[in-house]
Every structure is written in structure tokens, then in C-alpha cells.
Amino acid sequence: MTDTKTRAKPAAIILTPAAEQRIANLMAKAPEDAIGVKLSTPRRGCSGLAYSVDYVTEEVKFDEKIETPGGIFYVDGASVLYLIGSTMDWQEDDFTAGFVFNNPNATGACGCGESFTV
């Protein structure tokens, strides 16, 4: 008889500690009905796809679910293929603050950095 072990599936996207902290901060002030924060890649901008992070109120069957210390982070099921192997970070300086993505699947980006191509 063979002992079958299942190995944990790696998350589609890696969250840095700063990104996890930002998710915790967002969830601390989230609307009452929010169950987590979701990353999606809607069609937008010069290059075709953009990163969008929003509150979600219900789970969607094919979304990737990543549990973080501060709340649940979802990745849109239709966007996962564009994001596999990506790292999501939160960066702040005196002039800007926002999530920053290192996406090995992106083949190009627009000049303003709002959108990307795969």
C-alpha cells in the first residue's frame, strides 16, 4: 500500500510583509460586509490590463484564497494566469503610496505604469 502525501499548493502570488500589513490596515477599516480584499486585472489603460484591489463581500468559486494574518486576500480566478509567480508589495514615500507588483508574466507596461501586457 502506497502512502500518498499531498503537498500544499503554493499561492499564485507572494505577499511581502508590507503588503500583508496593508491588507490588515484595510480590513481594520473595511465596510461591515467585507470578507476580504481582492486583486483582479481588469482591462484598462494603454497596455490592456491593470491591477485593481478592492473589498469583496462574498467568495467566488474559482478565486484563489490566501489567508494572511490581517485578513483574507483573494486573487480573481480569471486573473490568476496573468499573476502566477508575482510578488505584491506595499510602498510608501513622501509623495506616493500604493501596491507595487513584480510580475514575471508581464511583457510590457505603459509609460505611466498604470497598465501591463502579458
PDB file of N, CA and C in Angstrom:
ATOM      1  N   MET A   1       0.840  -1.175   0.000  1.00  0.00           N
ATOM      2  CA  MET A   1       0.000   0.000   0.000  1.00  0.00           C
ATOM      3  C   MET A   1       0.894   1.250   0.000  1.00  0.00           C
ATOM      4  N   THR A   2       0.608   2.168  -0.863  1.00  0.00           N
ATOM      5  CA  THR A   2       1.410   3.375  -1.008  1.00  0.00           C
ATOM      6  C   THR A   2       0.860   4.478  -0.121  1.00  0.00           C
ATOM      7  N   ASP A   3       1.770   5.140   0.566  1.00  0.00           N
ATOM      8  CA  ASP A   3       1.387   6.278   1.399  1.00  0.00           C
ATOM      9  C   ASP A   3       1.385   7.517   0.511  1.00  0.00           C
ATOM     10  N   THR A   4       0.211   8.040   0.270  1.00  0.00           N
ATOM     11  CA  THR A   4       0.110   9.218  -0.593  1.00  0.00           C
ATOM     12  C   THR A   4       0.072  10.476   0.256  1.00  0.00           C
ATOM     13  N   LYS A   5       0.977  11.364  -0.030  1.00  0.00           N
ATOM     14  CA  LYS A   5       1.003  12.634   0.679  1.00  0.00           C
ATOM     15  C   LYS A   5       0.682  13.728  -0.320  1.00  0.00           C
ATOM     16  N   THR A   6      -0.156  14.632   0.094  1.00  0.00           N
ATOM     17  CA  THR A   6      -0.443  15.768  -0.760  1.00  0.00           C
ATOM     18  C   THR A   6       0.365  16.945  -0.274  1.00  0.00           C
ATOM     19  N   ARG A   7       0.899  17.641  -1.200  1.00  0.00           N
ATOM     20  CA  ARG A   7       1.723  18.786  -0.846  1.00  0.00           C
ATOM     21  C   ARG A   7       0.881  20.041  -1.005  1.00  0.00           C
ATOM     22  N   ALA A   8       1.103  20.984  -0.141  1.00  0.00           N
ATOM     23  CA  ALA A   8       0.352  22.234  -0.192  1.00  0.00           C
ATOM     24  C   ALA A   8       0.642  22.958  -1.499  1.00  0.00           C
ATOM     25  N   LYS A   9      -0.397  23.454  -2.094  1.00  0.00           N
ATOM     26  CA  LYS A   9      -0.273  24.202  -3.345  1.00  0.00           C
ATOM     27  C   LYS A   9       0.284  25.592  -3.037  1.00  0.00           C
ATOM     28  N   PRO A  10       1.336  26.011  -3.748  1.00  0.00           N
ATOM     29  CA  PRO A  10       1.872  27.351  -3.480  1.00  0.00           C
ATOM     30  C   PRO A  10       0.870  28.426  -3.922  1.00  0.00           C
ATOM     31  N   ALA A  11       0.882  29.538  -3.234  1.00  0.00           N
ATOM     32  CA  ALA A  11      -0.013  30.639  -3.585  1.00  0.00           C
ATOM     33  C   ALA A  11       0.367  31.186  -4.954  1.00  0.00           C
ATOM     34  N   ALA A  12      -0.625  31.671  -5.680  1.00  0.00           N
ATOM     35  CA  ALA A  12      -0.388  32.224  -7.016  1.00  0.00           C
ATOM     36  C   ALA A  12       0.464  33.479  -6.950  1.00  0.00           C
ATOM     37  N   ILE A  13       0.375  34.187  -5.844  1.00  0.00           N
ATOM     38  CA  ILE A  13       1.092  35.456  -5.698  1.00  0.00           C
ATOM     39  C   ILE A  13       1.717  35.514  -4.304  1.00  0.00           C
ATOM     40  N   ILE A  14       2.888  36.082  -4.222  1.00  0.00           N
ATOM     41  CA  ILE A  14       3.590  36.212  -2.943  1.00  0.00           C
ATOM     42  C   ILE A  14       3.325  37.614  -2.400  1.00  0.00           C
ATOM     43  N   LEU A  15       2.943  37.685  -1.148  1.00  0.00           N
ATOM     44  CA  LEU A  15       2.707  38.967  -0.497  1.00  0.00           C
ATOM     45  C   LEU A  15       3.879  39.271   0.431  1.00  0.00           C
ATOM     46  N   THR A  16       4.453  40.447   0.305  1.00  0.00           N
ATOM     47  CA  THR A  16       5.526  40.845   1.215  1.00  0.00           C
ATOM     48  C   THR A  16       4.905  41.176   2.579  1.00  0.00           C
ATOM     49  N   PRO A  17       5.712  41.230   3.632  1.00  0.00           N
ATOM     50  CA  PRO A  17       5.177  41.641   4.941  1.00  0.00           C
ATOM     51  C   PRO A  17       4.497  43.014   4.888  1.00  0.00           C
ATOM     52  N   ALA A  18       5.021  43.935   4.098  1.00  0.00           N
ATOM     53  CA  ALA A  18       4.402  45.265   3.983  1.00  0.00           C
ATOM     54  C   ALA A  18       3.026  45.175   3.330  1.00  0.00           C
ATOM     55  N   ALA A  19       2.883  44.306   2.320  1.00  0.00           N
ATOM     56  CA  ALA A  19       1.575  44.113   1.674  1.00  0.00           C
ATOM     57  C   ALA A  19       0.596  43.473   2.646  1.00  0.00           C
ATOM     58  N   GLU A  20       1.063  42.487   3.418  1.00  0.00           N
ATOM     59  CA  GLU A  20       0.194  41.856   4.414  1.00  0.00           C
ATOM     60  C   GLU A  20      -0.258  42.865   5.464  1.00  0.00           C
ATOM     61  N   GLN A  21       0.636  43.753   5.879  1.00  0.00           N
ATOM     62  CA  GLN A  21       0.280  44.773   6.860  1.00  0.00           C
ATOM     63  C   GLN A  21      -0.755  45.736   6.287  1.00  0.00           C
ATOM     64  N   ARG A  22      -0.595  46.084   5.018  1.00  0.00           N
ATOM     65  CA  ARG A  22      -1.565  46.991   4.381  1.00  0.00           C
ATOM     66  C   ARG A  22      -2.930  46.323   4.276  1.00  0.00           C
ATOM     67  N   ILE A  23      -2.961  45.030   3.987  1.00  0.00           N
ATOM     68  CA  ILE A  23      -4.235  44.300   3.951  1.00  0.00           C
ATOM     69  C   ILE A  23      -4.875  44.336   5.335  1.00  0.00           C
ATOM     70  N   ALA A  24      -4.071  44.141   6.379  1.00  0.00           N
ATOM     71  CA  ALA A  24      -4.580  44.209   7.754  1.00  0.00           C
ATOM     72  C   ALA A  24      -5.156  45.594   8.044  1.00  0.00           C
ATOM     73  N   ASN A  25      -4.462  46.642   7.603  1.00  0.00           N
ATOM     74  CA  ASN A  25      -4.943  48.014   7.811  1.00  0.00           C
ATOM     75  C   ASN A  25      -6.257  48.252   7.066  1.00  0.00           C
ATOM     76  N   LEU A  26      -6.344  47.739   5.838  1.00  0.00           N
ATOM     77  CA  LEU A  26      -7.578  47.883   5.055  1.00  0.00           C
ATOM     78  C   LEU A  26      -8.735  47.149   5.724  1.00  0.00           C
ATOM     79  N   MET A  27      -8.476  45.928   6.203  1.00  0.00           N
ATOM     80  CA  MET A  27      -9.534  45.146   6.834  1.00  0.00           C
ATOM     81  C   MET A  27      -9.966  45.759   8.169  1.00  0.00           C
ATOM     82  N   ALA A  28      -9.064  46.442   8.845  1.00  0.00           N
ATOM     83  CA  ALA A  28      -9.411  47.083  10.118  1.00  0.00           C
ATOM     84  C   ALA A  28     -10.425  48.202   9.917  1.00  0.00           C
ATOM     85  N   LYS A  29     -10.449  48.804   8.741  1.00  0.00           N
ATOM     86  CA  LYS A  29     -11.413  49.884   8.477  1.00  0.00           C
ATOM     87  C   LYS A  29     -12.368  49.533   7.334  1.00  0.00           C
ATOM     88  N   ALA A  30     -12.524  48.235   7.066  1.00  0.00           N
ATOM     89  CA  ALA A  30     -13.379  47.762   5.971  1.00  0.00           C
ATOM     90  C   ALA A  30     -14.858  47.951   6.296  1.00  0.00           C
ATOM     91  N   PRO A  31     -15.672  48.059   5.244  1.00  0.00           N
ATOM     92  CA  PRO A  31     -17.123  48.072   5.471  1.00  0.00           C
ATOM     93  C   PRO A  31     -17.536  46.789   6.194  1.00  0.00           C
ATOM     94  N   GLU A  32     -18.632  46.840   6.928  1.00  0.00           N
ATOM     95  CA  GLU A  32     -19.088  45.713   7.735  1.00  0.00           C
ATOM     96  C   GLU A  32     -19.245  44.415   6.964  1.00  0.00           C
ATOM     97  N   ASP A  33     -19.705  44.509   5.731  1.00  0.00           N
ATOM     98  CA  ASP A  33     -19.985  43.291   4.959  1.00  0.00           C
ATOM     99  C   ASP A  33     -18.773  42.755   4.196  1.00  0.00           C
ATOM    100  N   ALA A  34     -17.619  43.393   4.306  1.00  0.00           N
ATOM    101  CA  ALA A  34     -16.414  42.940   3.593  1.00  0.00           C
ATOM    102  C   ALA A  34     -15.854  41.687   4.258  1.00  0.00           C
ATOM    103  N   ILE A  35     -15.523  40.690   3.438  1.00  0.00           N
ATOM    104  CA  ILE A  35     -14.921  39.460   3.966  1.00  0.00           C
ATOM    105  C   ILE A  35     -13.438  39.375   3.631  1.00  0.00           C
ATOM    106  N   GLY A  36     -12.963  40.292   2.802  1.00  0.00           N
ATOM    107  CA  GLY A  36     -11.563  40.288   2.419  1.00  0.00           C
ATOM    108  C   GLY A  36     -11.273  41.345   1.371  1.00  0.00           C
ATOM    109  N   VAL A  37     -10.075  41.254   0.842  1.00  0.00           N
ATOM    110  CA  VAL A  37      -9.595  42.164  -0.198  1.00  0.00           C
ATOM    111  C   VAL A  37      -9.250  41.310  -1.409  1.00  0.00           C
ATOM    112  N   LYS A  38      -9.565  41.806  -2.607  1.00  0.00           N
ATOM    113  CA  LYS A  38      -9.389  41.004  -3.822  1.00  0.00           C
ATOM    114  C   LYS A  38      -8.575  41.754  -4.869  1.00  0.00           C
ATOM    115  N   LEU A  39      -7.624  41.028  -5.468  1.00  0.00           N
ATOM    116  CA  LEU A  39      -6.831  41.539  -6.576  1.00  0.00           C
ATOM    117  C   LEU A  39      -7.398  40.992  -7.873  1.00  0.00           C
ATOM    118  N   SER A  40      -7.614  41.873  -8.821  1.00  0.00           N
ATOM    119  CA  SER A  40      -8.063  41.457 -10.154  1.00  0.00           C
ATOM    120  C   SER A  40      -7.280  42.249 -11.196  1.00  0.00           C
ATOM    121  N   THR A  41      -7.414  41.837 -12.442  1.00  0.00           N
ATOM    122  CA  THR A  41      -6.713  42.524 -13.540  1.00  0.00           C
ATOM    123  C   THR A  41      -7.716  42.903 -14.625  1.00  0.00           C
ATOM    124  N   PRO A  42      -8.514  43.943 -14.384  1.00  0.00           N
ATOM    125  CA  PRO A  42      -9.474  44.364 -15.405  1.00  0.00           C
ATOM    126  C   PRO A  42      -8.770  44.957 -16.622  1.00  0.00           C
ATOM    127  N   ARG A  43      -9.451  44.920 -17.754  1.00  0.00           N
ATOM    128  CA  ARG A  43      -8.913  45.529 -18.974  1.00  0.00           C
ATOM    129  C   ARG A  43      -9.016  47.040 -18.815  1.00  0.00           C
ATOM    130  N   ARG A  44      -7.845  47.693 -18.895  1.00  0.00           N
ATOM    131  CA  ARG A  44      -7.810  49.139 -18.687  1.00  0.00           C
ATOM    132  C   ARG A  44      -6.446  49.661 -19.092  1.00  0.00           C
ATOM    133  N   GLY A  45      -6.379  50.911 -19.438  1.00  0.00           N
ATOM    134  CA  GLY A  45      -5.106  51.564 -19.718  1.00  0.00           C
ATOM    135  C   GLY A  45      -4.593  51.306 -21.118  1.00  0.00           C
ATOM    136  N   CYS A  46      -3.417  51.844 -21.398  1.00  0.00           N
ATOM    137  CA  CYS A  46      -2.806  51.768 -22.731  1.00  0.00           C
ATOM    138  C   CYS A  46      -2.362  50.361 -23.096  1.00  0.00           C
ATOM    139  N   SER A  47      -1.911  49.591 -22.102  1.00  0.00           N
ATOM    140  CA  SER A  47      -1.331  48.284 -22.390  1.00  0.00           C
ATOM    141  C   SER A  47      -2.320  47.133 -22.289  1.00  0.00           C
ATOM    142  N   GLY A  48      -3.496  47.368 -21.751  1.00  0.00           N
ATOM    143  CA  GLY A  48      -4.510  46.322 -21.765  1.00  0.00           C
ATOM    144  C   GLY A  48      -5.007  45.835 -20.431  1.00  0.00           C
ATOM    145  N   LEU A  49      -4.130  45.582 -19.453  1.00  0.00           N
ATOM    146  CA  LEU A  49      -4.551  45.075 -18.153  1.00  0.00           C
ATOM    147  C   LEU A  49      -4.013  45.975 -17.046  1.00  0.00           C
ATOM    148  N   ALA A  50      -4.776  46.096 -15.969  1.00  0.00           N
ATOM    149  CA  ALA A  50      -4.344  46.905 -14.836  1.00  0.00           C
ATOM    150  C   ALA A  50      -4.557  46.098 -13.556  1.00  0.00           C
ATOM    151  N   TYR A  51      -3.885  46.485 -12.507  1.00  0.00           N
ATOM    152  CA  TYR A  51      -4.074  45.847 -11.203  1.00  0.00           C
ATOM    153  C   TYR A  51      -5.152  46.620 -10.453  1.00  0.00           C
ATOM    154  N   SER A  52      -6.095  45.899  -9.866  1.00  0.00           N
ATOM    155  CA  SER A  52      -7.154  46.530  -9.100  1.00  0.00           C
ATOM    156  C   SER A  52      -7.330  45.771  -7.785  1.00  0.00           C
ATOM    157  N   VAL A  53      -7.320  46.493  -6.671  1.00  0.00           N
ATOM    158  CA  VAL A  53      -7.506  45.892  -5.354  1.00  0.00           C
ATOM    159  C   VAL A  53      -8.758  46.519  -4.743  1.00  0.00           C
ATOM    160  N   ASP A  54      -9.706  45.658  -4.361  1.00  0.00           N
ATOM    161  CA  ASP A  54     -10.995  46.125  -3.862  1.00  0.00           C
ATOM    162  C   ASP A  54     -11.478  45.235  -2.716  1.00  0.00           C
ATOM    163  N   TYR A  55     -12.387  45.761  -1.909  1.00  0.00           N
ATOM    164  CA  TYR A  55     -13.047  44.942  -0.900  1.00  0.00           C
ATOM    165  C   TYR A  55     -13.993  43.974  -1.599  1.00  0.00           C
ATOM    166  N   VAL A  56     -14.183  42.789  -1.005  1.00  0.00           N
ATOM    167  CA  VAL A  56     -15.167  41.832  -1.514  1.00  0.00           C
ATOM    168  C   VAL A  56     -16.113  41.445  -0.387  1.00  0.00           C
ATOM    169  N   THR A  57     -17.345  41.132  -0.771  1.00  0.00           N
ATOM    170  CA  THR A  57     -18.364  40.776   0.209  1.00  0.00           C
ATOM    171  C   THR A  57     -18.768  39.308   0.145  1.00  0.00           C
ATOM    172  N   GLU A  58     -18.327  38.603  -0.894  1.00  0.00           N
ATOM    173  CA  GLU A  58     -18.626  37.171  -0.980  1.00  0.00           C
ATOM    174  C   GLU A  58     -17.542  36.449  -1.768  1.00  0.00           C
ATOM    175  N   GLU A  59     -17.351  35.172  -1.422  1.00  0.00           N
ATOM    176  CA  GLU A  59     -16.360  34.359  -2.130  1.00  0.00           C
ATOM    177  C   GLU A  59     -16.899  33.943  -3.489  1.00  0.00           C
ATOM    178  N   VAL A  60     -16.004  33.887  -4.460  1.00  0.00           N
ATOM    179  CA  VAL A  60     -16.343  33.410  -5.795  1.00  0.00           C
ATOM    180  C   VAL A  60     -15.629  32.081  -5.971  1.00  0.00           C
ATOM    181  N   LYS A  61     -16.312  31.115  -6.535  1.00  0.00           N
ATOM    182  CA  LYS A  61     -15.840  29.733  -6.586  1.00  0.00           C
ATOM    183  C   LYS A  61     -14.395  29.553  -7.054  1.00  0.00           C
ATOM    184  N   PHE A  62     -13.976  30.180  -8.119  1.00  0.00           N
ATOM    185  CA  PHE A  62     -12.659  29.918  -8.690  1.00  0.00           C
ATOM    186  C   PHE A  62     -11.578  30.912  -8.263  1.00  0.00           C
ATOM    187  N   ASP A  63     -11.890  31.804  -7.342  1.00  0.00           N
ATOM    188  CA  ASP A  63     -10.888  32.744  -6.848  1.00  0.00           C
ATOM    189  C   ASP A  63      -9.866  32.015  -5.973  1.00  0.00           C
ATOM    190  N   GLU A  64      -8.628  32.448  -6.054  1.00  0.00           N
ATOM    191  CA  GLU A  64      -7.567  31.948  -5.177  1.00  0.00           C
ATOM    192  C   GLU A  64      -7.753  32.627  -3.821  1.00  0.00           C
ATOM    193  N   LYS A  65      -7.648  31.873  -2.745  1.00  0.00           N
ATOM    194  CA  LYS A  65      -7.844  32.410  -1.395  1.00  0.00           C
ATOM    195  C   LYS A  65      -6.534  32.273  -0.624  1.00  0.00           C
ATOM    196  N   ILE A  66      -6.012  33.400  -0.153  1.00  0.00           N
ATOM    197  CA  ILE A  66      -4.761  33.414   0.602  1.00  0.00           C
ATOM    198  C   ILE A  66      -5.062  34.008   1.980  1.00  0.00           C
ATOM    199  N   GLU A  67      -4.834  33.221   3.020  1.00  0.00           N
ATOM    200  CA  GLU A  67      -5.067  33.717   4.369  1.00  0.00           C
ATOM    201  C   GLU A  67      -3.818  34.441   4.858  1.00  0.00           C
ATOM    202  N   THR A  68      -3.998  35.677   5.295  1.00  0.00           N
ATOM    203  CA  THR A  68      -2.902  36.480   5.832  1.00  0.00           C
ATOM    204  C   THR A  68      -3.215  36.764   7.303  1.00  0.00           C
ATOM    205  N   PRO A  69      -2.245  37.193   8.075  1.00  0.00           N
ATOM    206  CA  PRO A  69      -2.508  37.486   9.491  1.00  0.00           C
ATOM    207  C   PRO A  69      -3.591  38.552   9.696  1.00  0.00           C
ATOM    208  N   GLY A  70      -3.748  39.455   8.746  1.00  0.00           N
ATOM    209  CA  GLY A  70      -4.701  40.548   8.919  1.00  0.00           C
ATOM    210  C   GLY A  70      -6.015  40.390   8.195  1.00  0.00           C
ATOM    211  N   GLY A  71      -6.190  39.313   7.463  1.00  0.00           N
ATOM    212  CA  GLY A  71      -7.435  39.120   6.721  1.00  0.00           C
ATOM    213  C   GLY A  71      -7.216  38.259   5.495  1.00  0.00           C
ATOM    214  N   ILE A  72      -8.296  37.961   4.823  1.00  0.00           N
ATOM    215  CA  ILE A  72      -8.229  37.088   3.653  1.00  0.00           C
ATOM    216  C   ILE A  72      -7.992  37.922   2.403  1.00  0.00           C
ATOM    217  N   PHE A  73      -7.065  37.453   1.591  1.00  0.00           N
ATOM    218  CA  PHE A  73      -6.718  38.092   0.328  1.00  0.00           C
ATOM    219  C   PHE A  73      -7.129  37.143  -0.792  1.00  0.00           C
ATOM    220  N   TYR A  74      -7.904  37.643  -1.723  1.00  0.00           N
ATOM    221  CA  TYR A  74      -8.370  36.841  -2.846  1.00  0.00           C
ATOM    222  C   TYR A  74      -7.694  37.299  -4.123  1.00  0.00           C
ATOM    223  N   VAL A  75      -7.477  36.358  -5.029  1.00  0.00           N
ATOM    224  CA  VAL A  75      -6.998  36.685  -6.371  1.00  0.00           C
ATOM    225  C   VAL A  75      -8.071  36.202  -7.327  1.00  0.00           C
ATOM    226  N   ASP A  76      -8.555  37.099  -8.152  1.00  0.00           N
ATOM    227  CA  ASP A  76      -9.606  36.792  -9.115  1.00  0.00           C
ATOM    228  C   ASP A  76      -9.233  35.572  -9.948  1.00  0.00           C
ATOM    229  N   GLY A  77     -10.125  34.608 -10.026  1.00  0.00           N
ATOM    230  CA  GLY A  77      -9.860  33.369 -10.757  1.00  0.00           C
ATOM    231  C   GLY A  77      -9.496  33.593 -12.210  1.00  0.00           C
ATOM    232  N   ALA A  78     -10.101  34.593 -12.855  1.00  0.00           N
ATOM    233  CA  ALA A  78      -9.803  34.883 -14.257  1.00  0.00           C
ATOM    234  C   ALA A  78      -8.463  35.591 -14.423  1.00  0.00           C
ATOM    235  N   SER A  79      -7.895  36.101 -13.325  1.00  0.00           N
ATOM    236  CA  SER A  79      -6.632  36.846 -13.385  1.00  0.00           C
ATOM    237  C   SER A  79      -5.425  36.023 -12.979  1.00  0.00           C
ATOM    238  N   VAL A  80      -5.644  34.878 -12.347  1.00  0.00           N
ATOM    239  CA  VAL A  80      -4.551  34.080 -11.787  1.00  0.00           C
ATOM    240  C   VAL A  80      -3.469  33.786 -12.824  1.00  0.00           C
ATOM    241  N   LEU A  81      -3.853  33.421 -14.038  1.00  0.00           N
ATOM    242  CA  LEU A  81      -2.853  33.080 -15.061  1.00  0.00           C
ATOM    243  C   LEU A  81      -1.919  34.236 -15.390  1.00  0.00           C
ATOM    244  N   TYR A  82      -2.396  35.469 -15.249  1.00  0.00           N
ATOM    245  CA  TYR A  82      -1.564  36.639 -15.516  1.00  0.00           C
ATOM    246  C   TYR A  82      -0.643  36.968 -14.345  1.00  0.00           C
ATOM    247  N   LEU A  83      -0.908  36.362 -13.177  1.00  0.00           N
ATOM    248  CA  LEU A  83      -0.233  36.769 -11.948  1.00  0.00           C
ATOM    249  C   LEU A  83       0.653  35.707 -11.311  1.00  0.00           C
ATOM    250  N   ILE A  84       0.617  34.480 -11.793  1.00  0.00           N
ATOM    251  CA  ILE A  84       1.384  33.397 -11.174  1.00  0.00           C
ATOM    252  C   ILE A  84       2.854  33.792 -11.060  1.00  0.00           C
ATOM    253  N   GLY A  85       3.397  33.640  -9.863  1.00  0.00           N
ATOM    254  CA  GLY A  85       4.802  33.953  -9.621  1.00  0.00           C
ATOM    255  C   GLY A  85       5.074  35.405  -9.296  1.00  0.00           C
ATOM    256  N   SER A  86       4.020  36.222  -9.245  1.00  0.00           N
ATOM    257  CA  SER A  86       4.189  37.647  -8.949  1.00  0.00           C
ATOM    258  C   SER A  86       4.401  37.891  -7.462  1.00  0.00           C
ATOM    259  N   THR A  87       5.018  39.019  -7.163  1.00  0.00           N
ATOM    260  CA  THR A  87       5.160  39.485  -5.789  1.00  0.00           C
ATOM    261  C   THR A  87       4.421  40.811  -5.675  1.00  0.00           C
ATOM    262  N   MET A  88       3.639  40.931  -4.618  1.00  0.00           N
ATOM    263  CA  MET A  88       2.898  42.167  -4.361  1.00  0.00           C
ATOM    264  C   MET A  88       3.478  42.802  -3.109  1.00  0.00           C
ATOM    265  N   ASP A  89       3.841  44.072  -3.207  1.00  0.00           N
ATOM    266  CA  ASP A  89       4.443  44.810  -2.099  1.00  0.00           C
ATOM    267  C   ASP A  89       3.638  46.080  -1.873  1.00  0.00           C
ATOM    268  N   TRP A  90       3.774  46.677  -0.708  1.00  0.00           N
ATOM    269  CA  TRP A  90       3.198  47.996  -0.412  1.00  0.00           C
ATOM    270  C   TRP A  90       4.366  48.932  -0.175  1.00  0.00           C
ATOM    271  N   GLN A  91       4.395  50.038  -0.913  1.00  0.00           N
ATOM    272  CA  GLN A  91       5.484  51.000  -0.755  1.00  0.00           C
ATOM    273  C   GLN A  91       4.919  52.391  -0.533  1.00  0.00           C
ATOM    274  N   GLU A  92       5.559  53.112   0.363  1.00  0.00           N
ATOM    275  CA  GLU A  92       5.171  54.492   0.667  1.00  0.00           C
ATOM    276  C   GLU A  92       6.411  55.368   0.721  1.00  0.00           C
ATOM    277  N   ASP A  93       6.277  56.585   0.229  1.00  0.00           N
ATOM    278  CA  ASP A  93       7.318  57.587   0.423  1.00  0.00           C
ATOM    279  C   ASP A  93       6.624  58.923   0.654  1.00  0.00           C
ATOM    280  N   ASP A  94       7.353  60.015   0.606  1.00  0.00           N
ATOM    281  CA  ASP A  94       6.760  61.326   0.883  1.00  0.00           C
ATOM    282  C   ASP A  94       5.692  61.736  -0.124  1.00  0.00           C
ATOM    283  N   PHE A  95       5.731  61.166  -1.332  1.00  0.00           N
ATOM    284  CA  PHE A  95       4.837  61.631  -2.387  1.00  0.00           C
ATOM    285  C   PHE A  95       3.791  60.618  -2.833  1.00  0.00           C
ATOM    286  N   THR A  96       4.068  59.345  -2.695  1.00  0.00           N
ATOM    287  CA  THR A  96       3.133  58.328  -3.178  1.00  0.00           C
ATOM    288  C   THR A  96       3.029  57.165  -2.195  1.00  0.00           C
ATOM    289  N   ALA A  97       1.957  56.430  -2.333  1.00  0.00           N
ATOM    290  CA  ALA A  97       1.765  55.202  -1.573  1.00  0.00           C
ATOM    291  C   ALA A  97       0.917  54.281  -2.436  1.00  0.00           C
ATOM    292  N   GLY A  98       1.277  53.006  -2.488  1.00  0.00           N
ATOM    293  CA  GLY A  98       0.480  52.081  -3.271  1.00  0.00           C
ATOM    294  C   GLY A  98       1.083  50.698  -3.345  1.00  0.00           C
ATOM    295  N   PHE A  99       0.268  49.768  -3.818  1.00  0.00           N
ATOM    296  CA  PHE A  99       0.756  48.425  -4.055  1.00  0.00           C
ATOM    297  C   PHE A  99       1.646  48.435  -5.287  1.00  0.00           C
ATOM    298  N   VAL A 100       2.740  47.696  -5.220  1.00  0.00           N
ATOM    299  CA  VAL A 100       3.688  47.590  -6.324  1.00  0.00           C
ATOM    300  C   VAL A 100       3.804  46.111  -6.659  1.00  0.00           C
ATOM    301  N   PHE A 101       3.789  45.800  -7.957  1.00  0.00           N
ATOM    302  CA  PHE A 101       3.803  44.417  -8.408  1.00  0.00           C
ATOM    303  C   PHE A 101       5.060  44.108  -9.198  1.00  0.00           C
ATOM    304  N   ASN A 102       5.678  42.990  -8.879  1.00  0.00           N
ATOM    305  CA  ASN A 102       6.774  42.450  -9.674  1.00  0.00           C
ATOM    306  C   ASN A 102       6.190  41.219 -10.343  1.00  0.00           C
ATOM    307  N   ASN A 103       5.833  41.356 -11.619  1.00  0.00           N
ATOM    308  CA  ASN A 103       5.106  40.312 -12.335  1.00  0.00           C
ATOM    309  C   ASN A 103       5.982  39.752 -13.448  1.00  0.00           C
ATOM    310  N   PRO A 104       6.484  38.511 -13.301  1.00  0.00           N
ATOM    311  CA  PRO A 104       7.341  37.920 -14.326  1.00  0.00           C
ATOM    312  C   PRO A 104       6.597  37.598 -15.620  1.00  0.00           C
ATOM    313  N   ASN A 105       5.275  37.653 -15.599  1.00  0.00           N
ATOM    314  CA  ASN A 105       4.471  37.355 -16.789  1.00  0.00           C
ATOM    315  C   ASN A 105       4.264  38.579 -17.676  1.00  0.00           C
ATOM    316  N   ALA A 106       4.501  39.765 -17.138  1.00  0.00           N
ATOM    317  CA  ALA A 106       4.293  40.996 -17.897  1.00  0.00           C
ATOM    318  C   ALA A 106       5.386  41.139 -18.957  1.00  0.00           C
ATOM    319  N   THR A 107       4.958  41.355 -20.178  1.00  0.00           N
ATOM    320  CA  THR A 107       5.917  41.522 -21.280  1.00  0.00           C
ATOM    321  C   THR A 107       6.126  42.994 -21.620  1.00  0.00           C
ATOM    322  N   GLY A 108       5.289  43.846 -21.054  1.00  0.00           N
ATOM    323  CA  GLY A 108       5.419  45.277 -21.308  1.00  0.00           C
ATOM    324  C   GLY A 108       4.497  46.042 -20.382  1.00  0.00           C
ATOM    325  N   ALA A 109       4.725  47.345 -20.284  1.00  0.00           N
ATOM    326  CA  ALA A 109       3.898  48.215 -19.461  1.00  0.00           C
ATOM    327  C   ALA A 109       3.792  49.566 -20.143  1.00  0.00           C
ATOM    328  N   CYS A 110       2.748  50.293 -19.816  1.00  0.00           N
ATOM    329  CA  CYS A 110       2.615  51.625 -20.387  1.00  0.00           C
ATOM    330  C   CYS A 110       3.577  52.580 -19.679  1.00  0.00           C
ATOM    331  N   GLY A 111       3.803  53.721 -20.264  1.00  0.00           N
ATOM    332  CA  GLY A 111       4.756  54.684 -19.723  1.00  0.00           C
ATOM    333  C   GLY A 111       4.396  55.201 -18.344  1.00  0.00           C
ATOM    334  N   CYS A 112       3.097  55.324 -18.055  1.00  0.00           N
ATOM    335  CA  CYS A 112       2.705  55.853 -16.733  1.00  0.00           C
ATOM    336  C   CYS A 112       2.660  54.764 -15.679  1.00  0.00           C
ATOM    337  N   GLY A 113       2.793  53.495 -16.073  1.00  0.00           N
ATOM    338  CA  GLY A 113       2.832  52.395 -15.118  1.00  0.00           C
ATOM    339  C   GLY A 113       1.474  51.915 -14.664  1.00  0.00           C
ATOM    340  N   GLU A 114       0.382  52.421 -15.270  1.00  0.00           N
ATOM    341  CA  GLU A 114      -0.948  52.018 -14.842  1.00  0.00           C
ATOM    342  C   GLU A 114      -1.367  50.650 -15.371  1.00  0.00           C
ATOM    343  N   SER A 115      -0.857  50.269 -16.533  1.00  0.00           N
ATOM    344  CA  SER A 115      -1.306  49.007 -17.116  1.00  0.00           C
ATOM    345  C   SER A 115      -0.136  48.198 -17.649  1.00  0.00           C
ATOM    346  N   PHE A 116      -0.417  46.912 -17.930  1.00  0.00           N
ATOM    347  CA  PHE A 116       0.619  46.000 -18.390  1.00  0.00           C
ATOM    348  C   PHE A 116       0.071  45.054 -19.443  1.00  0.00           C
ATOM    349  N   THR A 117       0.990  44.391 -20.144  1.00  0.00           N
ATOM    350  CA  THR A 117       0.667  43.408 -21.175  1.00  0.00           C
ATOM    351  C   THR A 117       1.294  42.079 -20.800  1.00  0.00           C
ATOM    352  N   VAL A 118       0.606  40.989 -21.133  1.00  0.00           N
ATOM    353  CA  VAL A 118       1.193  39.652 -20.937  1.00  0.00           C
ATOM    354  C   VAL A 118       1.322  38.961 -22.274  1.00  0.00           C
TER     355      VAL A 118
END
